[in-house]
């Protein structure tokens, strides 16, 4: 059990580092889109009790909103 937990935590740490390094060359608008999609996915999942359709729908709506934030500036 301890070995499995260490493996899972190590895998998550590597995935997190790779994910964060992928954002280094993003513009502010791209970053806002990604953040909006992430927040929307979590919100959609919570509101629909974890359904895949709610998660995907929330990510799509959140991505669009994140993309449009600050557009008029």
N, C-alpha and C. Protein backbone atom coordinates (compact mmCIF):
# COMPACT_ATOMS: atom_id res chain seq x y z
N UNK A 1 0.82 -1.19 0.00
CA UNK A 1 0.00 0.00 0.00
C UNK A 1 0.87 1.25 0.00
N UNK A 2 1.95 1.27 0.79
CA UNK A 2 2.82 2.44 0.82
C UNK A 2 3.48 2.68 -0.52
N UNK A 3 3.88 1.60 -1.18
CA UNK A 3 4.52 1.73 -2.48
C UNK A 3 3.55 2.31 -3.50
N UNK A 4 2.31 1.88 -3.46
CA UNK A 4 1.30 2.40 -4.38
C UNK A 4 1.07 3.88 -4.15
N UNK A 5 0.97 4.30 -2.90
CA UNK A 5 0.76 5.71 -2.59
C UNK A 5 1.93 6.56 -3.06
N UNK A 6 3.14 6.09 -2.86
CA UNK A 6 4.32 6.84 -3.31
C UNK A 6 4.33 6.94 -4.83
N UNK A 7 3.96 5.86 -5.50
CA UNK A 7 3.92 5.88 -6.97
C UNK A 7 2.89 6.89 -7.47
N UNK A 8 1.73 6.87 -6.87
CA UNK A 8 0.66 7.79 -7.28
C UNK A 8 1.08 9.24 -7.02
N UNK A 9 1.64 9.51 -5.85
CA UNK A 9 2.08 10.87 -5.53
C UNK A 9 3.21 11.32 -6.46
N UNK A 10 4.12 10.43 -6.75
CA UNK A 10 5.21 10.77 -7.67
C UNK A 10 4.70 11.06 -9.07
N UNK A 11 3.75 10.25 -9.52
CA UNK A 11 3.16 10.47 -10.84
C UNK A 11 2.42 11.80 -10.90
N UNK A 12 1.68 12.11 -9.85
CA UNK A 12 0.96 13.39 -9.81
C UNK A 12 1.93 14.57 -9.79
N UNK A 13 3.02 14.44 -9.07
CA UNK A 13 4.01 15.52 -9.02
C UNK A 13 4.63 15.76 -10.39
N UNK A 14 4.97 14.69 -11.09
CA UNK A 14 5.55 14.83 -12.43
C UNK A 14 4.53 15.45 -13.39
N UNK A 15 3.29 15.01 -13.31
CA UNK A 15 2.25 15.57 -14.17
C UNK A 15 2.04 17.05 -13.89
N UNK A 16 2.08 17.43 -12.64
CA UNK A 16 1.92 18.84 -12.26
C UNK A 16 3.05 19.68 -12.82
N UNK A 17 4.28 19.20 -12.69
CA UNK A 17 5.42 19.94 -13.20
C UNK A 17 5.37 20.08 -14.72
N UNK A 18 5.01 19.02 -15.40
CA UNK A 18 4.89 19.09 -16.86
C UNK A 18 3.77 20.04 -17.28
N UNK A 19 2.67 20.01 -16.54
CA UNK A 19 1.56 20.90 -16.85
C UNK A 19 1.91 22.36 -16.64
N UNK A 20 2.63 22.65 -15.59
CA UNK A 20 3.01 24.04 -15.32
C UNK A 20 4.04 24.54 -16.32
N UNK A 21 4.94 23.69 -16.75
CA UNK A 21 5.95 24.13 -17.72
C UNK A 21 5.31 24.38 -19.08
N UNK A 22 4.20 23.75 -19.36
CA UNK A 22 3.52 23.97 -20.63
C UNK A 22 2.87 25.35 -20.72
N UNK A 23 2.68 26.01 -19.60
CA UNK A 23 2.02 27.32 -19.58
C UNK A 23 3.01 28.49 -19.69
N UNK A 24 4.30 28.21 -19.75
CA UNK A 24 5.28 29.29 -19.69
C UNK A 24 5.25 30.19 -20.93
N UNK A 25 4.89 29.66 -22.08
CA UNK A 25 4.88 30.46 -23.29
C UNK A 25 3.51 30.98 -23.68
N UNK A 26 2.55 30.87 -22.79
CA UNK A 26 1.18 31.28 -23.11
C UNK A 26 1.01 32.79 -22.95
N UNK A 27 0.15 33.33 -23.80
CA UNK A 27 -0.23 34.74 -23.62
C UNK A 27 -1.22 34.84 -22.47
N UNK A 28 -1.50 36.04 -22.06
CA UNK A 28 -2.46 36.24 -20.97
C UNK A 28 -3.83 35.71 -21.35
N UNK A 29 -4.22 35.91 -22.59
CA UNK A 29 -5.53 35.44 -23.04
C UNK A 29 -5.59 33.92 -23.05
N UNK A 30 -4.51 33.27 -23.50
CA UNK A 30 -4.46 31.81 -23.49
C UNK A 30 -4.54 31.27 -22.06
N UNK A 31 -3.83 31.93 -21.16
CA UNK A 31 -3.84 31.51 -19.76
C UNK A 31 -5.24 31.67 -19.16
N UNK A 32 -5.91 32.79 -19.48
CA UNK A 32 -7.27 33.00 -18.98
C UNK A 32 -8.22 31.93 -19.52
N UNK A 33 -8.03 31.54 -20.77
CA UNK A 33 -8.87 30.49 -21.36
C UNK A 33 -8.67 29.17 -20.64
N UNK A 34 -7.41 28.81 -20.37
CA UNK A 34 -7.12 27.55 -19.69
C UNK A 34 -7.66 27.56 -18.25
N UNK A 35 -7.48 28.67 -17.57
CA UNK A 35 -7.99 28.77 -16.19
C UNK A 35 -9.52 28.70 -16.18
N UNK A 36 -10.15 29.41 -17.11
CA UNK A 36 -11.61 29.37 -17.21
C UNK A 36 -12.13 27.98 -17.49
N UNK A 37 -11.43 27.25 -18.37
CA UNK A 37 -11.85 25.88 -18.67
C UNK A 37 -11.71 24.98 -17.45
N UNK A 38 -10.64 25.15 -16.70
CA UNK A 38 -10.44 24.33 -15.50
C UNK A 38 -11.49 24.62 -14.44
N UNK A 39 -11.73 25.90 -14.20
CA UNK A 39 -12.74 26.27 -13.20
C UNK A 39 -14.13 25.84 -13.66
N UNK A 40 -14.41 26.00 -14.94
CA UNK A 40 -15.70 25.58 -15.48
C UNK A 40 -15.91 24.08 -15.38
N UNK A 41 -14.84 23.31 -15.62
CA UNK A 41 -14.95 21.85 -15.52
C UNK A 41 -15.26 21.43 -14.09
N UNK A 42 -14.59 22.05 -13.14
CA UNK A 42 -14.86 21.71 -11.73
C UNK A 42 -16.29 22.12 -11.36
N UNK A 43 -16.68 23.32 -11.76
CA UNK A 43 -18.03 23.79 -11.46
C UNK A 43 -19.10 22.93 -12.11
N UNK A 44 -18.89 22.57 -13.37
CA UNK A 44 -19.85 21.72 -14.05
C UNK A 44 -19.96 20.35 -13.42
N UNK A 45 -18.83 19.83 -12.99
CA UNK A 45 -18.83 18.52 -12.33
C UNK A 45 -19.57 18.57 -11.00
N UNK A 46 -19.34 19.62 -10.24
CA UNK A 46 -20.00 19.75 -8.94
C UNK A 46 -21.50 19.94 -9.12
N UNK A 47 -21.88 20.78 -10.05
CA UNK A 47 -23.31 21.07 -10.23
C UNK A 47 -24.10 19.89 -10.78
N UNK A 48 -23.45 19.00 -11.53
CA UNK A 48 -24.17 17.87 -12.12
C UNK A 48 -23.87 16.56 -11.42
N UNK A 49 -23.24 16.61 -10.28
CA UNK A 49 -22.96 15.39 -9.53
C UNK A 49 -21.89 14.51 -10.16
N UNK A 50 -21.00 15.10 -10.92
CA UNK A 50 -19.88 14.36 -11.48
C UNK A 50 -20.13 13.75 -12.85
N UNK A 51 -21.18 14.16 -13.54
CA UNK A 51 -21.44 13.59 -14.86
C UNK A 51 -20.42 14.12 -15.86
N UNK A 52 -20.08 13.28 -16.83
CA UNK A 52 -19.11 13.66 -17.85
C UNK A 52 -19.63 14.81 -18.70
N UNK A 53 -20.90 14.78 -19.03
CA UNK A 53 -21.47 15.84 -19.86
C UNK A 53 -21.42 17.19 -19.15
N UNK A 54 -21.71 17.19 -17.87
CA UNK A 54 -21.65 18.43 -17.09
C UNK A 54 -20.24 18.97 -16.99
N UNK A 55 -19.27 18.07 -16.83
CA UNK A 55 -17.87 18.48 -16.74
C UNK A 55 -17.40 19.07 -18.07
N UNK A 56 -17.71 18.41 -19.16
CA UNK A 56 -17.29 18.89 -20.47
C UNK A 56 -18.01 20.21 -20.81
N UNK A 57 -19.29 20.27 -20.52
CA UNK A 57 -20.04 21.50 -20.76
C UNK A 57 -19.51 22.66 -19.94
N UNK A 58 -19.20 22.40 -18.68
CA UNK A 58 -18.64 23.45 -17.83
C UNK A 58 -17.29 23.92 -18.32
N UNK A 59 -16.47 22.99 -18.80
CA UNK A 59 -15.16 23.35 -19.33
C UNK A 59 -15.31 24.22 -20.58
N UNK A 60 -16.25 23.87 -21.43
CA UNK A 60 -16.46 24.65 -22.66
C UNK A 60 -16.93 26.07 -22.33
N UNK A 61 -17.91 26.17 -21.46
CA UNK A 61 -18.43 27.49 -21.10
C UNK A 61 -17.37 28.31 -20.37
N UNK A 62 -16.67 27.68 -19.46
CA UNK A 62 -15.61 28.38 -18.72
C UNK A 62 -14.49 28.84 -19.63
N UNK A 63 -14.14 28.03 -20.62
CA UNK A 63 -13.10 28.41 -21.57
C UNK A 63 -13.49 29.62 -22.39
N UNK A 64 -14.73 29.65 -22.82
CA UNK A 64 -15.22 30.80 -23.60
C UNK A 64 -15.23 32.06 -22.74
N UNK A 65 -15.70 31.94 -21.51
CA UNK A 65 -15.73 33.10 -20.62
C UNK A 65 -14.31 33.57 -20.32
N UNK A 66 -13.41 32.63 -20.04
CA UNK A 66 -12.02 33.01 -19.78
C UNK A 66 -11.37 33.68 -20.96
N UNK A 67 -11.71 33.24 -22.16
CA UNK A 67 -11.15 33.83 -23.38
C UNK A 67 -11.64 35.26 -23.57
N UNK A 68 -12.86 35.54 -23.17
CA UNK A 68 -13.44 36.85 -23.39
C UNK A 68 -13.10 37.86 -22.30
N UNK A 69 -12.57 37.40 -21.17
CA UNK A 69 -12.22 38.30 -20.07
C UNK A 69 -11.11 39.23 -20.54
N UNK A 70 -11.29 40.51 -20.39
CA UNK A 70 -10.28 41.49 -20.76
C UNK A 70 -10.16 41.75 -22.24
N UNK A 71 -11.09 41.26 -23.03
CA UNK A 71 -11.01 41.41 -24.49
C UNK A 71 -11.12 42.86 -24.92
N UNK A 72 -11.93 43.64 -24.23
CA UNK A 72 -12.16 45.03 -24.62
C UNK A 72 -11.07 46.00 -24.19
N UNK A 73 -10.09 45.52 -23.45
CA UNK A 73 -9.04 46.43 -22.93
C UNK A 73 -8.04 46.77 -24.00
